[in-house]
């Protein structure tokens, strides 16, 4: 697995499926994985927890 991806969509490619549970760490607005969350929303995956 590559350690560096060109963007959030590439980082999530092949990892998402409907009905999965996702956990993301962070502290306040400065520590959340905002780009990954946006890419997740745009991916069209459904019924995530």
N, C-alpha and C. Protein backbone atom coordinates (compact mmCIF):
# COMPACT_ATOMS: atom_id res chain seq x y z
N UNK A 1 0.84 -1.17 0.00
CA UNK A 1 0.00 0.00 0.00
C UNK A 1 0.89 1.24 0.00
N UNK A 2 0.55 2.18 -0.85
CA UNK A 2 1.28 3.45 -0.88
C UNK A 2 1.01 4.22 0.40
N UNK A 3 2.00 4.95 0.86
CA UNK A 3 1.85 5.76 2.06
C UNK A 3 1.37 7.18 1.75
N UNK A 4 1.61 7.65 0.52
CA UNK A 4 1.21 9.00 0.13
C UNK A 4 0.26 8.90 -1.06
N UNK A 5 -0.86 9.61 -0.96
CA UNK A 5 -1.86 9.62 -2.03
C UNK A 5 -2.01 11.04 -2.54
N UNK A 6 -2.34 11.20 -3.81
CA UNK A 6 -2.44 12.55 -4.38
C UNK A 6 -3.61 13.36 -3.83
N UNK A 7 -4.68 12.68 -3.38
CA UNK A 7 -5.83 13.38 -2.82
C UNK A 7 -6.65 12.42 -1.97
N UNK A 8 -7.67 12.95 -1.31
CA UNK A 8 -8.48 12.15 -0.39
C UNK A 8 -9.24 11.05 -1.12
N UNK A 9 -9.72 11.34 -2.32
CA UNK A 9 -10.46 10.33 -3.08
C UNK A 9 -9.57 9.12 -3.38
N UNK A 10 -8.34 9.38 -3.74
CA UNK A 10 -7.40 8.29 -4.02
C UNK A 10 -7.10 7.49 -2.76
N UNK A 11 -7.03 8.17 -1.63
CA UNK A 11 -6.75 7.48 -0.37
C UNK A 11 -7.88 6.54 0.02
N UNK A 12 -9.11 6.89 -0.33
CA UNK A 12 -10.27 6.07 0.03
C UNK A 12 -10.64 5.04 -1.03
N UNK A 13 -10.03 5.12 -2.20
CA UNK A 13 -10.38 4.24 -3.31
C UNK A 13 -10.26 2.76 -2.91
N UNK A 14 -11.35 2.02 -3.12
CA UNK A 14 -11.36 0.59 -2.84
C UNK A 14 -11.57 0.23 -1.38
N UNK A 15 -11.76 1.21 -0.52
CA UNK A 15 -11.92 0.93 0.90
C UNK A 15 -13.35 1.07 1.40
N UNK A 16 -14.22 1.70 0.63
CA UNK A 16 -15.56 2.02 1.10
C UNK A 16 -16.60 1.05 0.58
N UNK A 17 -17.59 0.77 1.44
CA UNK A 17 -18.75 -0.03 1.02
C UNK A 17 -19.95 0.40 1.85
N UNK A 18 -21.14 0.19 1.32
CA UNK A 18 -22.36 0.54 2.03
C UNK A 18 -22.45 -0.23 3.35
N UNK A 19 -22.96 0.44 4.38
CA UNK A 19 -23.20 -0.21 5.66
C UNK A 19 -22.00 -0.31 6.58
N UNK A 20 -20.88 0.27 6.22
CA UNK A 20 -19.69 0.13 7.05
C UNK A 20 -19.71 1.13 8.21
N UNK A 21 -18.92 0.84 9.23
CA UNK A 21 -18.73 1.73 10.37
C UNK A 21 -17.37 2.39 10.23
N UNK A 22 -17.33 3.70 10.42
CA UNK A 22 -16.10 4.46 10.25
C UNK A 22 -15.83 5.26 11.52
N UNK A 23 -14.58 5.28 11.94
CA UNK A 23 -14.19 6.08 13.09
C UNK A 23 -13.05 7.00 12.65
N UNK A 24 -13.16 8.26 13.01
CA UNK A 24 -12.12 9.23 12.67
C UNK A 24 -11.74 10.02 13.91
N UNK A 25 -10.45 10.13 14.13
CA UNK A 25 -9.98 10.88 15.28
C UNK A 25 -9.82 12.35 14.95
N UNK A 26 -9.55 13.11 15.97
CA UNK A 26 -9.32 14.54 15.78
C UNK A 26 -9.67 15.29 17.05
N UNK A 27 -9.28 16.53 17.10
CA UNK A 27 -9.56 17.36 18.26
C UNK A 27 -9.96 18.74 17.74
N UNK A 28 -11.22 19.06 17.88
CA UNK A 28 -11.69 20.35 17.39
C UNK A 28 -11.61 20.44 15.88
N UNK A 29 -11.75 21.62 15.38
CA UNK A 29 -11.74 21.81 13.93
C UNK A 29 -10.35 21.69 13.31
N UNK A 30 -9.32 21.87 14.10
CA UNK A 30 -7.97 21.82 13.53
C UNK A 30 -7.43 20.41 13.39
N UNK A 31 -8.08 19.42 14.01
CA UNK A 31 -7.53 18.07 13.98
C UNK A 31 -8.37 17.04 13.26
N UNK A 32 -9.51 17.46 12.68
CA UNK A 32 -10.37 16.49 12.01
C UNK A 32 -9.89 16.25 10.58
N UNK A 33 -10.12 15.05 10.06
CA UNK A 33 -9.73 14.76 8.67
C UNK A 33 -10.79 15.29 7.69
N UNK A 34 -10.87 16.60 7.58
CA UNK A 34 -11.94 17.25 6.82
C UNK A 34 -12.01 16.79 5.37
N UNK A 35 -10.88 16.71 4.70
CA UNK A 35 -10.88 16.30 3.29
C UNK A 35 -11.34 14.86 3.12
N UNK A 36 -10.97 13.98 4.05
CA UNK A 36 -11.43 12.59 3.97
C UNK A 36 -12.94 12.51 4.21
N UNK A 37 -13.46 13.30 5.14
CA UNK A 37 -14.89 13.31 5.41
C UNK A 37 -15.66 13.82 4.19
N UNK A 38 -15.16 14.87 3.56
CA UNK A 38 -15.81 15.38 2.35
C UNK A 38 -15.76 14.36 1.22
N UNK A 39 -14.64 13.69 1.06
CA UNK A 39 -14.52 12.66 0.02
C UNK A 39 -15.45 11.50 0.30
N UNK A 40 -15.62 11.16 1.56
CA UNK A 40 -16.55 10.10 1.94
C UNK A 40 -17.97 10.49 1.57
N UNK A 41 -18.34 11.72 1.86
CA UNK A 41 -19.67 12.20 1.51
C UNK A 41 -19.89 12.17 0.00
N UNK A 42 -18.90 12.59 -0.76
CA UNK A 42 -19.01 12.64 -2.21
C UNK A 42 -18.95 11.26 -2.87
N UNK A 43 -18.50 10.25 -2.15
CA UNK A 43 -18.34 8.92 -2.73
C UNK A 43 -19.66 8.23 -3.03
N UNK A 44 -20.72 8.64 -2.35
CA UNK A 44 -22.02 8.03 -2.57
C UNK A 44 -22.29 6.80 -1.73
N UNK A 45 -21.35 6.41 -0.87
CA UNK A 45 -21.56 5.27 0.01
C UNK A 45 -22.74 5.57 0.94
N UNK A 46 -23.55 4.56 1.26
CA UNK A 46 -24.77 4.77 2.04
C UNK A 46 -24.76 3.95 3.32
N UNK A 47 -25.60 4.37 4.25
CA UNK A 47 -25.82 3.66 5.52
C UNK A 47 -24.54 3.48 6.32
N UNK A 48 -23.74 4.53 6.39
CA UNK A 48 -22.52 4.44 7.20
C UNK A 48 -22.81 4.89 8.62
N UNK A 49 -22.05 4.35 9.54
CA UNK A 49 -22.19 4.71 10.95
C UNK A 49 -20.88 5.30 11.40
